[in-house]
């Protein structure tokens, strides 16, 4: 692994320890195809300071402006958020953040609902079991590879019952559109991907975005990298990746996971695995070991800000 002091566009992967704005300002205009991230929710987690909501949104605006600048005209930005909770009252962050993206000229293609089965139990409201991915594009000419992320049809043997196609299969042979509601388990204690990070992205959630919104060798940026799930999803599918993370502990965890993936030792939950059905346990698929080959010679770790 090489250590660098400034952003190097010749790398396959760049991991930056520090404020993401310092890294973003060093990236050329329209350089990345996809930005995908889950920013802090302003809940006072160990990696963030709880701010007044207005201060938080201003902080987000500064990052979003830079992300728009570095995203190509055919690129996408996916901002995954949940709720800000204040004294039992919830504030949907996607509703607060949408005007920022709209004001910068981005176009909302989907408001994807990520549904999961486990989480905190509420006693004075219904327990929350979903978060949202806002998928924006910079223009009307954007990369979208639907065939790469099709899923098995619910009724694979369903046929047309009348008309010129009567008797023929009515579903797409490549599978169906996964729609804008995604049921993917979140990373809790027994998840094969669990690390010390309290709010970790499942790799398969990012995989679906990487495969559908980028092509081979495109750059994928995560300004709030955490423990590197976006980087892993990008690298195992032949993309290049840039990530920033303010916690050096999380960067070390991300590097360890990437090293494990390089040697085929990292376990992740397979994309094709159905959510576990106790009535039919034989449907379950074992964890997947992933590998993206020997790329660490092209991976740069930025230990200081670029200025």
C-alpha atoms as a PDB file:
ATOM      1  CA  UNK A   1       0.000   0.000   0.000  1.00  0.00           C
ATOM      2  CA  UNK A   2       1.278   3.455  -0.901  1.00  0.00           C
ATOM      3  CA  UNK A   3       0.917   6.502   1.328  1.00  0.00           C
ATOM      4  CA  UNK A   4       0.243   9.807  -0.417  1.00  0.00           C
ATOM      5  CA  UNK A   5      -0.085  13.419   0.680  1.00  0.00           C
ATOM      6  CA  UNK A   6      -2.425  14.566  -2.071  1.00  0.00           C
ATOM      7  CA  UNK A   7      -5.104  13.134  -4.315  1.00  0.00           C
ATOM      8  CA  UNK A   8      -3.682  10.945  -7.096  1.00  0.00           C
ATOM      9  CA  UNK A   9      -6.037  10.267 -10.047  1.00  0.00           C
ATOM     10  CA  UNK A  10      -3.763   7.432 -11.223  1.00  0.00           C
ATOM     11  CA  UNK A  11      -4.743   5.277  -8.240  1.00  0.00           C
ATOM     12  CA  UNK A  12      -7.368   2.538  -8.188  1.00  0.00           C
ATOM     13  CA  UNK A  13      -8.483   3.471  -4.691  1.00  0.00           C
ATOM     14  CA  UNK A  14      -7.936   6.457  -2.406  1.00  0.00           C
ATOM     15  CA  UNK A  15      -8.642   6.387   1.331  1.00  0.00           C
ATOM     16  CA  UNK A  16      -8.453   9.779   3.083  1.00  0.00           C
ATOM     17  CA  UNK A  17      -8.329  10.281   6.857  1.00  0.00           C
ATOM     18  CA  UNK A  18      -9.824  13.675   7.689  1.00  0.00           C
ATOM     19  CA  UNK A  19     -12.568  16.143   6.801  1.00  0.00           C
ATOM     20  CA  UNK A  20     -14.177  15.131   3.507  1.00  0.00           C
ATOM     21  CA  UNK A  21     -14.242  18.759   2.341  1.00  0.00           C
ATOM     22  CA  UNK A  22     -10.447  18.778   2.304  1.00  0.00           C
ATOM     23  CA  UNK A  23     -10.444  15.769   0.004  1.00  0.00           C
ATOM     24  CA  UNK A  24     -13.329  16.960  -2.168  1.00  0.00           C
ATOM     25  CA  UNK A  25     -11.643  20.277  -2.924  1.00  0.00           C
ATOM     26  CA  UNK A  26      -8.670  18.395  -4.379  1.00  0.00           C
ATOM     27  CA  UNK A  27     -10.763  16.314  -6.826  1.00  0.00           C
ATOM     28  CA  UNK A  28     -11.137  17.668 -10.396  1.00  0.00           C
ATOM     29  CA  UNK A  29     -14.491  18.793 -11.779  1.00  0.00           C
ATOM     30  CA  UNK A  30     -16.772  16.038 -13.145  1.00  0.00           C
ATOM     31  CA  UNK A  31     -14.291  13.333 -12.132  1.00  0.00           C
ATOM     32  CA  UNK A  32     -16.530  10.642 -10.588  1.00  0.00           C
ATOM     33  CA  UNK A  33     -19.483   8.762 -12.057  1.00  0.00           C
ATOM     34  CA  UNK A  34     -21.223   8.012  -8.759  1.00  0.00           C
ATOM     35  CA  UNK A  35     -21.385   9.505  -5.298  1.00  0.00           C
ATOM     36  CA  UNK A  36     -23.004   7.145  -2.813  1.00  0.00           C
ATOM     37  CA  UNK A  37     -22.958   7.799   0.900  1.00  0.00           C
ATOM     38  CA  UNK A  38     -24.803   7.720   4.183  1.00  0.00           C
ATOM     39  CA  UNK A  39     -23.941  10.922   6.048  1.00  0.00           C
ATOM     40  CA  UNK A  40     -24.222  11.288   9.833  1.00  0.00           C
ATOM     41  CA  UNK A  41     -27.828  11.771  10.957  1.00  0.00           C
ATOM     42  CA  UNK A  42     -26.946  14.378  13.629  1.00  0.00           C
ATOM     43  CA  UNK A  43     -27.833  11.952  16.439  1.00  0.00           C
ATOM     44  CA  UNK A  44     -24.664  12.431  18.476  1.00  0.00           C
ATOM     45  CA  UNK A  45     -22.971   9.177  17.468  1.00  0.00           C
ATOM     46  CA  UNK A  46     -19.272   8.818  18.419  1.00  0.00           C
ATOM     47  CA  UNK A  47     -18.166  10.027  14.953  1.00  0.00           C
ATOM     48  CA  UNK A  48     -20.230  13.252  14.960  1.00  0.00           C
ATOM     49  CA  UNK A  49     -21.075  16.279  17.080  1.00  0.00           C
ATOM     50  CA  UNK A  50     -24.775  16.945  17.525  1.00  0.00           C
ATOM     51  CA  UNK A  51     -25.634  20.285  15.925  1.00  0.00           C
ATOM     52  CA  UNK A  52     -28.619  22.538  15.666  1.00  0.00           C
ATOM     53  CA  UNK A  53     -30.614  21.233  12.695  1.00  0.00           C
ATOM     54  CA  UNK A  54     -29.955  24.405  10.707  1.00  0.00           C
ATOM     55  CA  UNK A  55     -26.191  24.082  11.290  1.00  0.00           C
ATOM     56  CA  UNK A  56     -26.327  20.441  10.256  1.00  0.00           C
ATOM     57  CA  UNK A  57     -28.119  21.245   6.999  1.00  0.00           C
ATOM     58  CA  UNK A  58     -25.600  24.000   6.217  1.00  0.00           C
ATOM     59  CA  UNK A  59     -22.769  21.537   6.812  1.00  0.00           C
ATOM     60  CA  UNK A  60     -24.451  19.067   4.485  1.00  0.00           C
ATOM     61  CA  UNK A  61     -24.988  21.763   1.853  1.00  0.00           C
ATOM     62  CA  UNK A  62     -21.244  22.469   1.694  1.00  0.00           C
ATOM     63  CA  UNK A  63     -20.471  18.784   1.138  1.00  0.00           C
ATOM     64  CA  UNK A  64     -23.276  18.333  -1.392  1.00  0.00           C
ATOM     65  CA  UNK A  65     -22.104  21.337  -3.435  1.00  0.00           C
ATOM     66  CA  UNK A  66     -18.638  19.807  -3.743  1.00  0.00           C
ATOM     67  CA  UNK A  67     -20.092  16.389  -4.597  1.00  0.00           C
ATOM     68  CA  UNK A  68     -22.141  17.916  -7.410  1.00  0.00           C
ATOM     69  CA  UNK A  69     -19.046  19.673  -8.748  1.00  0.00           C
ATOM     70  CA  UNK A  70     -16.990  16.467  -8.924  1.00  0.00           C
ATOM     71  CA  UNK A  71     -19.792  14.337 -10.434  1.00  0.00           C
ATOM     72  CA  UNK A  72     -19.814  13.870 -14.214  1.00  0.00           C
ATOM     73  CA  UNK A  73     -22.718  15.080 -16.329  1.00  0.00           C
ATOM     74  CA  UNK A  74     -23.763  11.430 -16.871  1.00  0.00           C
ATOM     75  CA  UNK A  75     -23.272  10.613 -13.204  1.00  0.00           C
ATOM     76  CA  UNK A  76     -25.466  10.102 -10.177  1.00  0.00           C
ATOM     77  CA  UNK A  77     -25.559  11.052  -6.506  1.00  0.00           C
ATOM     78  CA  UNK A  78     -27.213   8.691  -4.001  1.00  0.00           C
ATOM     79  CA  UNK A  79     -27.755  10.164  -0.529  1.00  0.00           C
ATOM     80  CA  UNK A  80     -28.965   7.568   1.986  1.00  0.00           C
ATOM     81  CA  UNK A  81     -30.557   9.014   5.130  1.00  0.00           C
ATOM     82  CA  UNK A  82     -32.970   8.220   7.937  1.00  0.00           C
ATOM     83  CA  UNK A  83     -34.569  10.446  10.540  1.00  0.00           C
ATOM     84  CA  UNK A  84     -33.209  13.068  12.892  1.00  0.00           C
ATOM     85  CA  UNK A  85     -34.867  12.400  16.247  1.00  0.00           C
ATOM     86  CA  UNK A  86     -35.344  15.211  18.773  1.00  0.00           C
ATOM     87  CA  UNK A  87     -37.125  14.527  22.048  1.00  0.00           C
ATOM     88  CA  UNK A  88     -39.236  11.782  20.493  1.00  0.00           C
ATOM     89  CA  UNK A  89     -40.168  13.819  17.407  1.00  0.00           C
ATOM     90  CA  UNK A  90     -38.796  12.623  14.059  1.00  0.00           C
ATOM     91  CA  UNK A  91     -37.627  14.847  11.224  1.00  0.00           C
ATOM     92  CA  UNK A  92     -37.242  13.017   7.857  1.00  0.00           C
ATOM     93  CA  UNK A  93     -33.835  14.177   6.679  1.00  0.00           C
ATOM     94  CA  UNK A  94     -34.559  13.420   3.017  1.00  0.00           C
ATOM     95  CA  UNK A  95     -37.320  16.044   3.064  1.00  0.00           C
ATOM     96  CA  UNK A  96     -34.962  18.616   4.567  1.00  0.00           C
ATOM     97  CA  UNK A  97     -32.111  17.803   2.177  1.00  0.00           C
ATOM     98  CA  UNK A  98     -34.125  17.623  -1.051  1.00  0.00           C
ATOM     99  CA  UNK A  99     -34.312  21.436  -1.531  1.00  0.00           C
ATOM    100  CA  UNK A 100     -30.498  21.609  -1.428  1.00  0.00           C
ATOM    101  CA  UNK A 101     -30.176  19.147  -4.314  1.00  0.00           C
ATOM    102  CA  UNK A 102     -33.053  20.764  -6.208  1.00  0.00           C
ATOM    103  CA  UNK A 103     -31.434  24.179  -5.829  1.00  0.00           C
ATOM    104  CA  UNK A 104     -28.242  22.829  -7.386  1.00  0.00           C
ATOM    105  CA  UNK A 105     -30.118  21.663 -10.479  1.00  0.00           C
ATOM    106  CA  UNK A 106     -30.156  17.932  -9.758  1.00  0.00           C
ATOM    107  CA  UNK A 107     -33.024  15.713 -10.893  1.00  0.00           C
ATOM    108  CA  UNK A 108     -34.566  13.165  -8.551  1.00  0.00           C
ATOM    109  CA  UNK A 109     -34.967   9.810 -10.324  1.00  0.00           C
ATOM    110  CA  UNK A 110     -36.091   7.677  -7.389  1.00  0.00           C
ATOM    111  CA  UNK A 111     -36.776   7.965  -3.709  1.00  0.00           C
ATOM    112  CA  UNK A 112     -35.752   4.409  -2.848  1.00  0.00           C
ATOM    113  CA  UNK A 113     -37.145   2.907   0.341  1.00  0.00           C
ATOM    114  CA  UNK A 114     -34.673   0.588   2.068  1.00  0.00           C
ATOM    115  CA  UNK A 115     -36.720  -1.726   4.265  1.00  0.00           C
ATOM    116  CA  UNK A 116     -35.115  -3.871   6.967  1.00  0.00           C
ATOM    117  CA  UNK A 117     -36.529  -6.110   9.655  1.00  0.00           C
ATOM    118  CA  UNK A 118     -34.563  -5.195  12.760  1.00  0.00           C
ATOM    119  CA  UNK A 119     -33.878  -2.049  14.765  1.00  0.00           C
ATOM    120  CA  UNK A 120     -34.714  -0.167  17.926  1.00  0.00           C
ATOM    121  CA  UNK A 121     -38.125  -0.775  19.449  1.00  0.00           C
ATOM    122  CA  UNK A 122     -40.254   2.298  20.089  1.00  0.00           C
ATOM    123  CA  UNK A 123     -42.850   2.554  22.853  1.00  0.00           C
ATOM    124  CA  UNK A 124     -44.546   5.873  21.982  1.00  0.00           C
ATOM    125  CA  UNK A 125     -44.610   5.511  18.182  1.00  0.00           C
ATOM    126  CA  UNK A 126     -44.360   2.699  15.638  1.00  0.00           C
ATOM    127  CA  UNK A 127     -40.877   1.219  15.394  1.00  0.00           C
ATOM    128  CA  UNK A 128     -38.951   2.519  12.398  1.00  0.00           C
ATOM    129  CA  UNK A 129     -37.954  -0.118   9.848  1.00  0.00           C
ATOM    130  CA  UNK A 130     -36.945   1.817   6.756  1.00  0.00           C
ATOM    131  CA  UNK A 131     -34.624   4.520   5.500  1.00  0.00           C
ATOM    132  CA  UNK A 132     -34.441   6.342   2.182  1.00  0.00           C
ATOM    133  CA  UNK A 133     -31.967   6.609  -0.691  1.00  0.00           C
ATOM    134  CA  UNK A 134     -32.387   9.770  -2.762  1.00  0.00           C
ATOM    135  CA  UNK A 135     -31.061   9.058  -6.270  1.00  0.00           C
ATOM    136  CA  UNK A 136     -30.293  12.199  -8.247  1.00  0.00           C
ATOM    137  CA  UNK A 137     -28.733  12.698 -11.679  1.00  0.00           C
ATOM    138  CA  UNK A 138     -27.012  15.781 -13.054  1.00  0.00           C
ATOM    139  CA  UNK A 139     -28.729  15.558 -16.444  1.00  0.00           C
ATOM    140  CA  UNK A 140     -31.297  13.605 -18.432  1.00  0.00           C
ATOM    141  CA  UNK A 141     -28.490  11.620 -20.113  1.00  0.00           C
ATOM    142  CA  UNK A 142     -27.247   9.323 -17.359  1.00  0.00           C
ATOM    143  CA  UNK A 143     -25.870   5.812 -16.893  1.00  0.00           C
ATOM    144  CA  UNK A 144     -28.490   3.263 -15.867  1.00  0.00           C
ATOM    145  CA  UNK A 145     -27.820  -0.455 -16.296  1.00  0.00           C
ATOM    146  CA  UNK A 146     -31.087  -2.090 -15.286  1.00  0.00           C
ATOM    147  CA  UNK A 147     -30.177  -5.557 -16.573  1.00  0.00           C
ATOM    148  CA  UNK A 148     -27.219  -5.698 -14.164  1.00  0.00           C
ATOM    149  CA  UNK A 149     -29.512  -5.574 -11.126  1.00  0.00           C
ATOM    150  CA  UNK A 150     -32.639  -7.450 -12.177  1.00  0.00           C
ATOM    151  CA  UNK A 151     -33.985  -9.887  -9.597  1.00  0.00           C
ATOM    152  CA  UNK A 152     -35.838 -13.208  -9.957  1.00  0.00           C
ATOM    153  CA  UNK A 153     -39.515 -12.766 -10.875  1.00  0.00           C
ATOM    154  CA  UNK A 154     -42.124 -13.550  -8.254  1.00  0.00           C
ATOM    155  CA  UNK A 155     -43.987 -15.827 -10.685  1.00  0.00           C
ATOM    156  CA  UNK A 156     -41.320 -17.147 -13.106  1.00  0.00           C
ATOM    157  CA  UNK A 157     -43.738 -19.455 -14.958  1.00  0.00           C
ATOM    158  CA  UNK A 158     -46.475 -16.883 -15.496  1.00  0.00           C
ATOM    159  CA  UNK A 159     -47.621 -16.771 -19.152  1.00  0.00           C
ATOM    160  CA  UNK A 160     -49.678 -14.508 -21.374  1.00  0.00           C
ATOM    161  CA  UNK A 161     -53.204 -15.922 -21.453  1.00  0.00           C
ATOM    162  CA  UNK A 162     -54.436 -14.154 -24.600  1.00  0.00           C
ATOM    163  CA  UNK A 163     -53.311 -12.242 -27.639  1.00  0.00           C
ATOM    164  CA  UNK A 164     -50.440 -13.020 -30.030  1.00  0.00           C
ATOM    165  CA  UNK A 165     -48.152 -14.013 -27.121  1.00  0.00           C
ATOM    166  CA  UNK A 166     -50.629 -16.401 -25.498  1.00  0.00           C
ATOM    167  CA  UNK A 167     -48.778 -19.287 -23.885  1.00  0.00           C
ATOM    168  CA  UNK A 168     -45.419 -17.488 -23.844  1.00  0.00           C
ATOM    169  CA  UNK A 169     -43.704 -16.481 -20.632  1.00  0.00           C
ATOM    170  CA  UNK A 170     -44.774 -12.962 -19.684  1.00  0.00           C
ATOM    171  CA  UNK A 171     -41.763 -12.082 -17.514  1.00  0.00           C
ATOM    172  CA  UNK A 172     -38.442 -10.697 -18.694  1.00  0.00           C
ATOM    173  CA  UNK A 173     -36.051 -13.669 -19.044  1.00  0.00           C
ATOM    174  CA  UNK A 174     -33.323 -11.625 -17.331  1.00  0.00           C
ATOM    175  CA  UNK A 175     -35.484 -10.997 -14.281  1.00  0.00           C
ATOM    176  CA  UNK A 176     -37.658  -8.149 -13.051  1.00  0.00           C
ATOM    177  CA  UNK A 177     -36.986  -4.559 -12.114  1.00  0.00           C
ATOM    178  CA  UNK A 178     -36.198  -4.490  -8.360  1.00  0.00           C
ATOM    179  CA  UNK A 179     -38.582  -1.515  -7.965  1.00  0.00           C
ATOM    180  CA  UNK A 180     -38.007   1.363  -5.545  1.00  0.00           C
ATOM    181  CA  UNK A 181     -38.588  -0.685  -2.369  1.00  0.00           C
ATOM    182  CA  UNK A 182     -35.526  -2.752  -1.425  1.00  0.00           C
ATOM    183  CA  UNK A 183     -35.695  -5.343   1.329  1.00  0.00           C
ATOM    184  CA  UNK A 184     -32.100  -5.779   2.478  1.00  0.00           C
ATOM    185  CA  UNK A 185     -31.116  -6.703   6.051  1.00  0.00           C
ATOM    186  CA  UNK A 186     -29.320  -3.986   7.975  1.00  0.00           C
ATOM    187  CA  UNK A 187     -25.980  -4.753   9.605  1.00  0.00           C
ATOM    188  CA  UNK A 188     -26.751  -5.838  13.150  1.00  0.00           C
ATOM    189  CA  UNK A 189     -24.872  -8.015  15.648  1.00  0.00           C
ATOM    190  CA  UNK A 190     -25.190 -11.364  13.804  1.00  0.00           C
ATOM    191  CA  UNK A 191     -24.629  -9.987  10.305  1.00  0.00           C
ATOM    192  CA  UNK A 192     -21.531 -11.451   8.627  1.00  0.00           C
ATOM    193  CA  UNK A 193     -20.267  -7.955   7.801  1.00  0.00           C
ATOM    194  CA  UNK A 194     -20.567  -6.462  11.310  1.00  0.00           C
ATOM    195  CA  UNK A 195     -17.717  -4.280  12.578  1.00  0.00           C
ATOM    196  CA  UNK A 196     -17.472  -1.786  15.442  1.00  0.00           C
ATOM    197  CA  UNK A 197     -19.257   0.887  13.387  1.00  0.00           C
ATOM    198  CA  UNK A 198     -22.756   1.475  14.876  1.00  0.00           C
ATOM    199  CA  UNK A 199     -24.449   2.435  11.582  1.00  0.00           C
ATOM    200  CA  UNK A 200     -22.780   0.326   8.912  1.00  0.00           C
ATOM    201  CA  UNK A 201     -23.871   0.105   5.276  1.00  0.00           C
ATOM    202  CA  UNK A 202     -24.609  -3.437   3.993  1.00  0.00           C
ATOM    203  CA  UNK A 203     -22.372  -4.019   0.981  1.00  0.00           C
ATOM    204  CA  UNK A 204     -25.222  -5.395  -1.136  1.00  0.00           C
ATOM    205  CA  UNK A 205     -27.148  -2.123  -0.876  1.00  0.00           C
ATOM    206  CA  UNK A 206     -24.199  -0.295  -2.427  1.00  0.00           C
ATOM    207  CA  UNK A 207     -23.577  -3.083  -4.956  1.00  0.00           C
ATOM    208  CA  UNK A 208     -26.980  -2.523  -6.525  1.00  0.00           C
ATOM    209  CA  UNK A 209     -26.214   1.189  -6.934  1.00  0.00           C
ATOM    210  CA  UNK A 210     -22.696   0.586  -8.254  1.00  0.00           C
ATOM    211  CA  UNK A 211     -23.813  -1.995 -10.824  1.00  0.00           C
ATOM    212  CA  UNK A 212     -26.777   0.000 -12.087  1.00  0.00           C
ATOM    213  CA  UNK A 213     -25.300   3.517 -12.117  1.00  0.00           C
ATOM    214  CA  UNK A 214     -21.686   2.977 -13.228  1.00  0.00           C
ATOM    215  CA  UNK A 215     -19.646   1.112 -15.819  1.00  0.00           C
ATOM    216  CA  UNK A 216     -16.378  -0.786 -15.414  1.00  0.00           C
ATOM    217  CA  UNK A 217     -13.443   1.395 -14.269  1.00  0.00           C
ATOM    218  CA  UNK A 218     -15.688   4.334 -13.304  1.00  0.00           C
ATOM    219  CA  UNK A 219     -14.899   6.242 -10.106  1.00  0.00           C
ATOM    220  CA  UNK A 220     -17.199   5.857  -7.075  1.00  0.00           C
ATOM    221  CA  UNK A 221     -16.931   8.399  -4.253  1.00  0.00           C
ATOM    222  CA  UNK A 222     -18.086   8.102  -0.635  1.00  0.00           C
ATOM    223  CA  UNK A 223     -17.429  11.323   1.331  1.00  0.00           C
ATOM    224  CA  UNK A 224     -18.507   9.660   4.612  1.00  0.00           C
ATOM    225  CA  UNK A 225     -16.742   6.344   4.095  1.00  0.00           C
ATOM    226  CA  UNK A 226     -17.133   4.730   7.531  1.00  0.00           C
ATOM    227  CA  UNK A 227     -15.633   1.249   7.406  1.00  0.00           C
ATOM    228  CA  UNK A 228     -15.397   1.084   3.623  1.00  0.00           C
ATOM    229  CA  UNK A 229     -18.512  -0.746   2.429  1.00  0.00           C
ATOM    230  CA  UNK A 230     -18.815   1.525  -0.617  1.00  0.00           C
ATOM    231  CA  UNK A 231     -15.148   0.998  -1.479  1.00  0.00           C
ATOM    232  CA  UNK A 232     -15.567  -2.779  -1.239  1.00  0.00           C
ATOM    233  CA  UNK A 233     -18.694  -2.766  -3.416  1.00  0.00           C
ATOM    234  CA  UNK A 234     -16.877  -0.682  -6.031  1.00  0.00           C
ATOM    235  CA  UNK A 235     -13.625  -2.663  -6.073  1.00  0.00           C
ATOM    236  CA  UNK A 236     -15.191  -6.122  -6.304  1.00  0.00           C
ATOM    237  CA  UNK A 237     -17.070  -4.999  -9.411  1.00  0.00           C
ATOM    238  CA  UNK A 238     -14.082  -3.477 -11.197  1.00  0.00           C
ATOM    239  CA  UNK A 239     -14.694   0.164 -10.342  1.00  0.00           C
ATOM    240  CA  UNK A 240     -12.280   2.641  -8.770  1.00  0.00           C
ATOM    241  CA  UNK A 241     -13.038   4.285  -5.456  1.00  0.00           C
ATOM    242  CA  UNK A 242     -12.418   7.377  -3.342  1.00  0.00           C
ATOM    243  CA  UNK A 243     -13.392   7.615   0.312  1.00  0.00           C
ATOM    244  CA  UNK A 244     -13.007  10.064   3.187  1.00  0.00           C
ATOM    245  CA  UNK A 245     -13.464   9.299   6.864  1.00  0.00           C
ATOM    246  CA  UNK A 246     -12.711  11.463   9.878  1.00  0.00           C
ATOM    247  CA  UNK A 247     -12.139   8.503  12.245  1.00  0.00           C
ATOM    248  CA  UNK A 248      -8.703   6.918  11.840  1.00  0.00           C
ATOM    249  CA  UNK A 249     -10.016   3.778  13.574  1.00  0.00           C
ATOM    250  CA  UNK A 250     -12.685   3.341  10.899  1.00  0.00           C
ATOM    251  CA  UNK A 251     -10.140   3.953   8.130  1.00  0.00           C
ATOM    252  CA  UNK A 252      -7.955   1.193   9.577  1.00  0.00           C
ATOM    253  CA  UNK A 253     -10.995  -1.106   9.650  1.00  0.00           C
ATOM    254  CA  UNK A 254     -11.778  -0.212   6.023  1.00  0.00           C
ATOM    255  CA  UNK A 255      -8.199  -0.977   4.997  1.00  0.00           C
ATOM    256  CA  UNK A 256      -8.311  -4.306   6.822  1.00  0.00           C
ATOM    257  CA  UNK A 257     -11.549  -5.253   5.072  1.00  0.00           C
ATOM    258  CA  UNK A 258     -10.122  -4.261   1.695  1.00  0.00           C
ATOM    259  CA  UNK A 259      -7.022  -6.353   2.366  1.00  0.00           C
ATOM    260  CA  UNK A 260      -9.231  -9.317   3.279  1.00  0.00           C
ATOM    261  CA  UNK A 261     -11.181  -8.852   0.056  1.00  0.00           C
ATOM    262  CA  UNK A 262      -7.951  -8.695  -1.928  1.00  0.00           C
ATOM    263  CA  UNK A 263      -7.056 -12.151  -0.626  1.00  0.00           C
ATOM    264  CA  UNK A 264     -10.551 -13.614  -0.933  1.00  0.00           C
ATOM    265  CA  UNK A 265     -11.123 -13.685   2.843  1.00  0.00           C
ATOM    266  CA  UNK A 266     -13.831 -11.065   3.283  1.00  0.00           C
ATOM    267  CA  UNK A 267     -17.325 -12.422   3.925  1.00  0.00           C
ATOM    268  CA  UNK A 268     -20.303 -10.433   2.713  1.00  0.00           C
ATOM    269  CA  UNK A 269     -23.983 -11.229   2.391  1.00  0.00           C
ATOM    270  CA  UNK A 270     -24.712 -12.382  -1.200  1.00  0.00           C
ATOM    271  CA  UNK A 271     -26.923 -10.147  -3.312  1.00  0.00           C
ATOM    272  CA  UNK A 272     -28.917 -13.170  -4.493  1.00  0.00           C
ATOM    273  CA  UNK A 273     -29.708 -14.339  -0.971  1.00  0.00           C
ATOM    274  CA  UNK A 274     -33.382 -14.019  -0.042  1.00  0.00           C
ATOM    275  CA  UNK A 275     -34.265 -12.554   3.323  1.00  0.00           C
ATOM    276  CA  UNK A 276     -34.281 -15.574   5.620  1.00  0.00           C
ATOM    277  CA  UNK A 277     -37.552 -17.487   5.725  1.00  0.00           C
ATOM    278  CA  UNK A 278     -37.672 -19.832   8.747  1.00  0.00           C
ATOM    279  CA  UNK A 279     -40.367 -21.904   6.998  1.00  0.00           C
ATOM    280  CA  UNK A 280     -37.971 -22.647   4.126  1.00  0.00           C
ATOM    281  CA  UNK A 281     -34.414 -22.523   5.496  1.00  0.00           C
ATOM    282  CA  UNK A 282     -33.103 -24.472   2.509  1.00  0.00           C
ATOM    283  CA  UNK A 283     -33.504 -21.299   0.446  1.00  0.00           C
ATOM    284  CA  UNK A 284     -30.714 -19.571   2.354  1.00  0.00           C
ATOM    285  CA  UNK A 285     -27.381 -19.010   0.595  1.00  0.00           C
ATOM    286  CA  UNK A 286     -24.096 -19.124   2.532  1.00  0.00           C
ATOM    287  CA  UNK A 287     -22.010 -15.958   2.956  1.00  0.00           C
ATOM    288  CA  UNK A 288     -19.961 -14.981  -0.052  1.00  0.00           C
ATOM    289  CA  UNK A 289     -16.196 -14.574   0.012  1.00  0.00           C
ATOM    290  CA  UNK A 290     -15.215 -11.759  -2.311  1.00  0.00           C
ATOM    291  CA  UNK A 291     -11.991 -10.883  -4.063  1.00  0.00           C
ATOM    292  CA  UNK A 292     -10.940  -8.160  -6.469  1.00  0.00           C
ATOM    293  CA  UNK A 293      -7.406  -9.362  -7.127  1.00  0.00           C
ATOM    294  CA  UNK A 294      -4.076  -7.759  -6.313  1.00  0.00           C
ATOM    295  CA  UNK A 295      -4.803  -4.039  -6.433  1.00  0.00           C
ATOM    296  CA  UNK A 296      -3.178  -2.794  -3.233  1.00  0.00           C
ATOM    297  CA  UNK A 297      -0.172  -1.494  -5.156  1.00  0.00           C
ATOM    298  CA  UNK A 298      -2.568   1.028  -6.691  1.00  0.00           C
ATOM    299  CA  UNK A 299      -4.282   1.945  -3.418  1.00  0.00           C
ATOM    300  CA  UNK A 300      -3.334   5.248  -1.814  1.00  0.00           C
ATOM    301  CA  UNK A 301      -3.834   6.191   1.820  1.00  0.00           C
ATOM    302  CA  UNK A 302      -3.948   9.946   2.346  1.00  0.00           C
ATOM    303  CA  UNK A 303      -2.811  10.627   5.886  1.00  0.00           C
ATOM    304  CA  UNK A 304      -2.961  14.422   5.776  1.00  0.00           C
ATOM    305  CA  UNK A 305      -5.087  17.038   4.112  1.00  0.00           C
ATOM    306  CA  UNK A 306      -4.104  18.022   0.563  1.00  0.00           C
ATOM    307  CA  UNK A 307      -3.438  21.672   1.390  1.00  0.00           C
END
